[in-house]
Amino acid sequence: MRRLIHQNPELAFEEHNTQKLIIEFAHGLGLNNIVTVGTGVLVLVGRNKDEPFVVLRAELDALPIPEETDYPFRSKNENMHACGHDFHIAAACWAMRRIVQEKRKGNFLFVFQPAEESGAGAKTIVEHILRWDCEVKAAIAMHVADEYPMGIVASRSGSLFSASCEVNVRVLGRSAHVANHQLGKDALRGCVAFLNQIYGRDWKEDLVWFGRILAGHVRNTVAGEALIEGTVRASDSKGVQDILVALQEIAKKVEEETELKVSVIPGAEYPEVKVDEKLLDVLRVVSQRNGFEFIECERKLTAEDFGYFSKHFPSLMFWFGVRHGSRVEGLHSSKFLPPDELIPVAGNLLTHLLDSIG
């Protein structure tokens, strides 16, 4: 399954073939209590009537990144599972199979969620679960990382991943031939002025970063319009809102200096991921029993829409180390590739976690 999904990565809200594979896998286990929400899949495995559920979440979407690995089953298109979501799906399915075939007691909801990378797909999934007449006692999610070597499990109580918000800044000017540039208003120069303000400011433990810029149409014309796309990260949602206010103030200052129109446009917002202290204690014990070294890590500037789960349910999220050797590629790298042989290892850890909490 991992290899099939890795070869055919699908972007946010386009995960139709991935959804089909998961449904076929669940049917193959004799499961029929399956709900689709958009391109997402929810599989219920219930044995104890009126008892609460434990949720296990895995993500479906890939990134628009061409793959640069030597994996025999590398991507066949211009997208890539550069964040390990294919691994997450396979490990969750491994755990689902063990739970079903070994008839482990408890009620479990396996959530295969679309659009984690962009679009906050968790929000719709969580809203759907909240409409059901069932109690969720815990929500669990794992994330692979080669920041940590194989055999390491890492997490912390409280805020593990930062709150975030996608943000676009649109600059409107007036185009003109460069020979008569004084007749125009250069939107590209407005972007430069805005970015100089951003990168010249100390954001302390928070982050404001822009990774994409689109401007102008031809090389010998003053750019009449420009767009820069970025992200904001803070310890909590209030911190994100405070930064957005600061960006609006910077935009107004650039407008006054350049006579351009500068608009700050917030996009998908992800709450911070909070880890329940009692569930962290369970993770610590289960990890050690299964031969892993558990370490407490610092809050990350990584963002994750699993924050929508932790906003409503007691939640546990953790890093699963996948590095072999000393080289770190990092998430969202075109060379990031957790090894196949760790899927059963991660799947067994998830099984024991579900069993301990359920």
Protein backbone atom coordinates (compact mmCIF):
# COMPACT_ATOMS: atom_id res chain seq x y z
CA MET A 1 0.00 0.00 0.00
CA ARG A 2 2.80 2.42 0.89
CA ARG A 3 4.46 1.83 -2.47
CA LEU A 4 1.24 2.27 -4.44
CA ILE A 5 0.46 5.53 -2.65
CA HIS A 6 4.02 6.78 -2.93
CA GLN A 7 4.01 6.15 -6.69
CA ASN A 8 0.75 8.04 -7.15
CA PRO A 9 0.81 11.02 -4.78
CA GLU A 10 -2.26 13.25 -4.78
CA LEU A 11 -2.57 16.86 -3.62
CA ALA A 12 -4.99 18.29 -1.05
CA PHE A 13 -8.67 17.47 -1.70
CA GLU A 14 -7.65 15.40 -4.76
CA GLU A 15 -6.88 12.14 -2.91
CA HIS A 16 -9.47 10.03 -4.78
CA ASN A 17 -7.28 7.02 -5.63
CA THR A 18 -5.73 7.03 -2.16
CA GLN A 19 -9.22 7.04 -0.66
CA LYS A 20 -10.20 4.08 -2.88
CA LEU A 21 -7.18 2.04 -1.76
CA ILE A 22 -8.00 2.58 1.91
CA ILE A 23 -11.64 1.63 1.46
CA GLU A 24 -10.63 -1.55 -0.38
CA PHE A 25 -8.20 -2.39 2.41
CA ALA A 26 -10.88 -1.93 5.08
CA HIS A 27 -13.36 -4.04 3.11
CA GLY A 28 -10.68 -6.73 2.86
CA LEU A 29 -10.64 -6.87 6.66
CA GLY A 30 -14.40 -7.41 6.69
CA LEU A 31 -15.12 -3.85 7.82
CA ASN A 32 -18.22 -2.16 6.45
CA ASN A 33 -18.78 0.70 8.89
CA ILE A 34 -17.00 3.16 6.61
CA VAL A 35 -17.85 6.83 6.10
CA THR A 36 -16.42 9.12 3.44
CA VAL A 37 -16.11 12.86 4.08
CA GLY A 38 -14.98 14.49 0.87
CA THR A 39 -11.82 12.60 -0.03
CA GLY A 40 -11.36 11.47 3.57
CA VAL A 41 -12.18 8.06 5.03
CA LEU A 42 -13.45 7.20 8.52
CA VAL A 43 -13.41 3.53 9.51
CA LEU A 44 -15.18 2.52 12.72
CA VAL A 45 -14.13 -0.62 14.58
CA GLY A 46 -16.47 -0.95 17.55
CA ARG A 47 -16.82 -3.85 19.95
CA ASN A 48 -18.18 -2.25 23.14
CA LYS A 49 -21.54 -0.55 22.71
CA ASP A 50 -21.89 2.87 24.38
CA GLU A 51 -18.17 2.99 25.20
CA PRO A 52 -16.00 5.93 24.05
CA PHE A 53 -13.79 5.78 20.95
CA VAL A 54 -10.05 6.17 20.47
CA VAL A 55 -9.19 8.00 17.25
CA LEU A 56 -6.09 7.33 15.16
CA ARG A 57 -5.44 9.93 12.46
CA ALA A 58 -3.30 9.65 9.31
CA GLU A 59 -3.04 12.18 6.48
CA LEU A 60 -3.57 11.56 2.76
CA ASP A 61 -2.16 14.48 0.79
CA ALA A 62 1.18 14.96 -0.94
CA LEU A 63 3.13 18.06 -1.94
CA PRO A 64 3.81 19.63 -5.38
CA ILE A 65 7.49 18.66 -5.17
CA PRO A 66 9.29 16.55 -7.83
CA GLU A 67 10.90 13.53 -6.14
CA GLU A 68 14.69 13.15 -6.17
CA THR A 69 15.26 9.77 -4.54
CA ASP A 70 16.46 6.44 -5.94
CA TYR A 71 13.44 4.61 -4.47
CA PRO A 72 12.30 1.91 -6.97
CA PHE A 73 8.70 3.00 -6.32
CA ARG A 74 9.25 6.75 -6.59
CA SER A 75 6.54 9.12 -7.75
CA LYS A 76 5.21 8.81 -11.29
CA ASN A 77 4.03 12.43 -11.40
CA GLU A 78 5.34 15.84 -10.34
CA ASN A 79 4.06 15.45 -6.76
CA MET A 80 5.70 13.69 -3.84
CA HIS A 81 4.95 12.35 -0.38
CA ALA A 82 7.76 14.47 1.00
CA CYS A 83 6.20 14.64 4.48
CA GLY A 84 5.76 10.91 5.06
CA HIS A 85 1.98 10.76 4.80
CA ASP A 86 2.20 7.57 2.73
CA PHE A 87 4.12 6.03 5.64
CA HIS A 88 1.51 7.27 8.13
CA ILE A 89 -1.31 5.67 6.11
CA ALA A 90 0.48 2.33 5.86
CA ALA A 91 1.33 2.26 9.58
CA ALA A 92 -2.27 3.12 10.51
CA CYS A 93 -3.54 0.33 8.23
CA TRP A 94 -1.07 -2.09 9.83
CA ALA A 95 -2.51 -1.17 13.25
CA MET A 96 -6.08 -1.47 11.94
CA ARG A 97 -5.38 -4.97 10.64
CA ARG A 98 -3.92 -6.11 13.97
CA ILE A 99 -6.80 -4.61 15.96
CA VAL A 100 -9.33 -6.43 13.75
CA GLN A 101 -7.60 -9.78 13.28
CA GLU A 102 -6.57 -10.09 16.93
CA LYS A 103 -10.04 -8.96 18.07
CA ARG A 104 -8.63 -6.45 20.49
CA LYS A 105 -11.19 -4.93 22.84
CA GLY A 106 -12.23 -1.31 22.50
CA ASN A 107 -13.85 1.13 20.10
CA PHE A 108 -11.58 2.65 17.49
CA LEU A 109 -12.05 5.24 14.79
CA PHE A 110 -9.39 5.22 12.07
CA VAL A 111 -9.36 8.62 10.39
CA PHE A 112 -7.66 9.08 7.02
CA GLN A 113 -7.76 12.82 6.57
CA PRO A 114 -7.32 14.88 3.41
CA ALA A 115 -5.57 18.22 3.00
CA GLU A 116 -3.23 18.47 5.97
CA GLU A 117 -0.60 20.35 3.99
CA SER A 118 -2.94 23.05 2.75
CA GLY A 119 -6.60 23.63 3.47
CA ALA A 120 -6.89 22.45 7.09
CA GLY A 121 -8.77 19.28 6.15
CA ALA A 122 -8.90 18.25 9.83
CA LYS A 123 -11.43 20.99 10.55
CA THR A 124 -14.18 19.39 8.45
CA ILE A 125 -13.38 15.90 9.75
CA VAL A 126 -13.56 17.01 13.38
CA GLU A 127 -16.83 18.86 12.76
CA HIS A 128 -18.23 15.64 11.29
CA ILE A 129 -17.15 13.57 14.32
CA LEU A 130 -18.64 16.12 16.73
CA ARG A 131 -22.04 15.68 15.07
CA TRP A 132 -22.02 11.97 15.93
CA ASP A 133 -23.47 10.79 19.21
CA CYS A 134 -20.22 9.25 20.45
CA GLU A 135 -17.60 10.16 22.98
CA VAL A 136 -13.93 10.41 22.00
CA LYS A 137 -11.65 9.57 24.90
CA ALA A 138 -8.42 10.19 22.97
CA ALA A 139 -7.10 11.21 19.55
CA ILE A 140 -3.68 9.97 18.43
CA ALA A 141 -1.39 10.99 15.58
CA MET A 142 2.19 10.08 14.67
CA HIS A 143 4.60 12.03 12.51
CA VAL A 144 7.79 10.60 11.04
CA ALA A 145 10.96 12.71 11.13
CA ASP A 146 14.59 12.09 10.24
CA GLU A 147 15.55 14.76 12.75
CA TYR A 148 15.46 11.78 15.13
CA PRO A 149 17.23 8.45 14.51
CA MET A 150 15.42 5.12 14.34
CA GLY A 151 14.39 3.92 17.78
CA ILE A 152 13.50 7.37 19.12
CA VAL A 153 10.00 8.54 20.05
CA ALA A 154 9.70 12.21 21.01
CA SER A 155 6.92 14.41 22.35
CA ARG A 156 6.05 16.78 25.19
CA SER A 157 3.02 17.80 27.21
CA GLY A 158 1.31 21.05 26.34
CA SER A 159 2.03 22.74 23.03
CA LEU A 160 4.03 20.44 20.73
CA PHE A 161 3.43 22.06 17.32
CA SER A 162 2.89 25.76 16.77
CA ALA A 163 -0.29 27.52 15.80
CA SER A 164 -0.05 28.81 12.23
CA CYS A 165 -1.80 30.72 9.50
CA GLU A 166 -1.15 30.84 5.79
CA VAL A 167 -0.86 34.43 4.61
CA ASN A 168 -0.77 36.14 1.23
CA VAL A 169 0.26 39.73 0.62
CA ARG A 170 -1.05 41.33 -2.56
CA VAL A 171 0.57 44.52 -3.87
CA LEU A 172 -1.21 46.57 -6.52
CA GLY A 173 0.56 49.26 -8.54
CA ARG A 174 0.48 50.46 -12.12
CA SER A 175 2.34 48.94 -15.06
CA ALA A 176 4.40 50.94 -17.54
CA HIS A 177 7.26 50.38 -19.96
CA VAL A 178 10.57 50.45 -18.11
CA ALA A 179 11.75 53.25 -20.39
CA ASN A 180 8.96 55.30 -18.83
CA HIS A 181 9.04 53.72 -15.40
CA GLN A 182 8.24 57.05 -13.75
CA LEU A 183 4.72 56.65 -15.14
CA GLY A 184 4.24 53.37 -13.27
CA LYS A 185 4.04 52.21 -9.67
CA ASP A 186 6.29 49.20 -9.14
CA ALA A 187 4.49 46.44 -7.21
CA LEU A 188 7.66 44.35 -7.14
CA ARG A 189 9.54 47.11 -5.30
CA GLY A 190 6.63 47.21 -2.89
CA CYS A 191 7.18 43.52 -2.15
CA VAL A 192 10.84 44.20 -1.50
CA ALA A 193 9.96 47.02 0.92
CA PHE A 194 7.48 44.77 2.73
CA LEU A 195 9.91 41.84 2.97
CA ASN A 196 12.70 44.10 4.23
CA GLN A 197 10.41 45.08 7.10
CA ILE A 198 9.62 41.42 7.80
CA TYR A 199 13.15 40.10 7.79
CA GLY A 200 14.55 43.11 9.62
CA ARG A 201 12.29 42.47 12.61
CA ASP A 202 13.00 40.16 15.55
CA TRP A 203 9.99 37.88 15.91
CA LYS A 204 11.46 36.27 19.06
CA GLU A 205 10.30 32.62 19.30
CA ASP A 206 7.70 33.09 16.56
CA LEU A 207 8.14 32.94 12.80
CA VAL A 208 7.05 34.94 9.77
CA TRP A 209 8.34 33.60 6.47
CA PHE A 210 7.50 34.04 2.80
CA GLY A 211 8.47 31.30 0.37
CA ARG A 212 6.89 32.26 -2.96
CA ILE A 213 6.60 35.43 -5.03
CA LEU A 214 4.69 36.10 -8.25
CA ALA A 215 5.07 39.47 -9.96
CA GLY A 216 4.78 41.16 -13.34
CA HIS A 217 4.34 39.71 -16.82
CA VAL A 218 7.43 40.61 -18.88
CA ARG A 219 10.97 41.68 -18.05
CA ASN A 220 10.83 45.18 -19.56
CA THR A 221 7.61 46.34 -17.89
CA VAL A 222 7.05 47.77 -14.42
CA ALA A 223 5.17 45.14 -12.42
CA GLY A 224 1.62 46.33 -11.88
CA GLU A 225 0.73 43.55 -9.47
CA ALA A 226 2.60 41.17 -7.18
CA LEU A 227 1.77 38.42 -4.70
CA ILE A 228 3.92 36.94 -1.97
CA GLU A 229 2.85 33.78 -0.16
CA GLY A 230 4.00 32.84 3.30
CA THR A 231 3.21 31.51 6.74
CA VAL A 232 2.99 32.72 10.33
CA ARG A 233 3.88 30.53 13.33
CA ALA A 234 3.36 31.26 17.04
CA SER A 235 2.93 29.38 20.30
CA ASP A 236 -0.86 29.73 20.22
CA SER A 237 -3.69 31.11 18.12
CA LYS A 238 -3.69 34.45 19.93
CA GLY A 239 -0.04 34.89 19.03
CA VAL A 240 -0.89 34.25 15.39
CA GLN A 241 -3.58 36.92 15.47
CA ASP A 242 -1.16 39.39 17.07
CA ILE A 243 1.32 38.79 14.24
CA LEU A 244 -1.39 39.28 11.61
CA VAL A 245 -2.17 42.67 13.18
CA ALA A 246 1.55 43.53 12.98
CA LEU A 247 1.59 42.54 9.29
CA GLN A 248 -1.35 44.84 8.64
CA GLU A 249 0.58 47.70 10.27
CA ILE A 250 3.64 46.97 8.12
CA ALA A 251 1.43 46.89 5.01
CA LYS A 252 -0.02 50.30 5.90
CA LYS A 253 3.48 51.73 6.38
CA VAL A 254 4.60 50.42 2.96
CA GLU A 255 1.46 51.92 1.40
CA GLU A 256 2.31 55.32 2.84
CA GLU A 257 5.91 55.14 1.63
CA THR A 258 5.23 53.82 -1.88
CA GLU A 259 1.66 54.90 -2.78
CA LEU A 260 0.91 51.26 -3.60
CA LYS A 261 -2.06 49.24 -2.37
CA VAL A 262 -0.86 46.49 -0.01
CA SER A 263 -3.34 43.90 1.30
CA VAL A 264 -2.63 41.19 3.88
CA ILE A 265 -4.90 38.18 3.24
CA PRO A 266 -4.98 35.40 5.89
CA GLY A 267 -5.57 31.84 4.68
CA ALA A 268 -6.03 28.48 6.39
CA GLU A 269 -5.39 28.66 10.12
CA TYR A 270 -4.13 25.75 12.21
CA PRO A 271 -4.48 25.79 16.02
CA GLU A 272 -1.52 24.68 18.11
CA VAL A 273 -1.23 20.93 18.74
CA LYS A 274 -1.62 20.24 22.46
CA VAL A 275 -0.56 16.98 24.05
CA ASP A 276 -2.49 15.63 27.04
CA GLU A 277 -0.18 14.88 29.97
CA LYS A 278 -1.88 11.58 30.89
CA LEU A 279 -1.72 10.34 27.30
CA LEU A 280 1.95 11.35 27.18
CA ASP A 281 2.58 9.11 30.19
CA VAL A 282 0.97 6.21 28.30
CA LEU A 283 3.20 6.93 25.28
CA ARG A 284 6.27 6.95 27.48
CA VAL A 285 5.46 3.56 29.02
CA VAL A 286 4.39 1.92 25.74
CA SER A 287 7.48 3.22 23.93
CA GLN A 288 9.86 1.85 26.54
CA ARG A 289 8.05 -1.51 26.64
CA ASN A 290 8.49 -1.78 22.88
CA GLY A 291 12.21 -1.02 22.91
CA PHE A 292 12.09 2.68 21.99
CA GLU A 293 13.94 5.47 23.70
CA PHE A 294 11.47 8.19 24.69
CA ILE A 295 12.69 11.78 24.85
CA GLU A 296 10.92 15.01 25.69
CA CYS A 297 11.41 17.57 22.94
CA GLU A 298 10.89 21.31 22.64
CA ARG A 299 7.93 23.00 20.96
CA LYS A 300 8.39 22.96 17.20
CA LEU A 301 7.74 25.67 14.63
CA THR A 302 6.16 22.89 12.60
CA ALA A 303 2.42 23.39 12.05
CA GLU A 304 -0.19 20.63 11.90
CA ASP A 305 -3.96 20.74 11.55
CA PHE A 306 -4.15 17.95 14.14
CA GLY A 307 -4.57 21.00 16.36
CA TYR A 308 -8.27 20.86 15.45
CA PHE A 309 -8.40 17.44 17.11
CA SER A 310 -6.54 18.58 20.22
CA LYS A 311 -8.86 21.60 20.43
CA HIS A 312 -11.81 19.26 21.10
CA PHE A 313 -10.42 15.93 22.35
CA PRO A 314 -7.69 14.76 24.75
CA SER A 315 -4.87 14.27 22.24
CA LEU A 316 -1.49 12.71 21.77
CA MET A 317 0.93 13.45 18.95
CA PHE A 318 4.52 12.31 18.73
CA TRP A 319 7.59 12.18 16.50
CA PHE A 320 8.71 8.78 15.22
CA GLY A 321 12.40 8.74 14.30
CA VAL A 322 13.28 7.30 10.89
CA ARG A 323 16.89 8.40 10.32
CA HIS A 324 19.49 5.81 9.46
CA GLY A 325 22.99 7.25 9.64
CA SER A 326 23.89 10.89 10.14
CA ARG A 327 22.34 12.60 7.11
CA VAL A 328 19.17 14.63 7.73
CA GLU A 329 17.05 15.51 4.68
CA GLY A 330 14.20 17.07 6.62
CA LEU A 331 10.46 17.19 6.03
CA HIS A 332 9.31 18.57 2.66
CA SER A 333 12.64 17.71 1.10
CA SER A 334 12.62 16.13 -2.37
CA LYS A 335 14.87 13.41 -0.87
CA PHE A 336 12.92 12.64 2.31
CA LEU A 337 12.10 8.91 2.35
CA PRO A 338 11.32 6.91 5.53
CA PRO A 339 12.31 3.27 4.90
CA ASP A 340 9.68 0.62 4.17
CA GLU A 341 10.98 -1.71 6.87
CA LEU A 342 9.95 0.72 9.61
CA ILE A 343 6.25 0.55 8.69
CA PRO A 344 5.54 -2.60 10.76
CA VAL A 345 7.63 -1.17 13.60
CA ALA A 346 5.52 2.00 13.65
CA GLY A 347 2.33 0.01 13.08
CA ASN A 348 3.03 -2.21 16.07
CA LEU A 349 3.74 0.81 18.26
CA LEU A 350 0.41 2.35 17.21
CA THR A 351 -1.36 -0.96 17.91
CA HIS A 352 0.00 -1.09 21.44
CA LEU A 353 -0.90 2.55 22.02
CA LEU A 354 -4.48 1.97 20.88
CA ASP A 355 -4.68 -1.14 23.01
CA SER A 356 -3.35 0.65 26.11
CA ILE A 357 -5.68 3.64 25.75
CA GLY A 358 -8.72 1.77 24.43
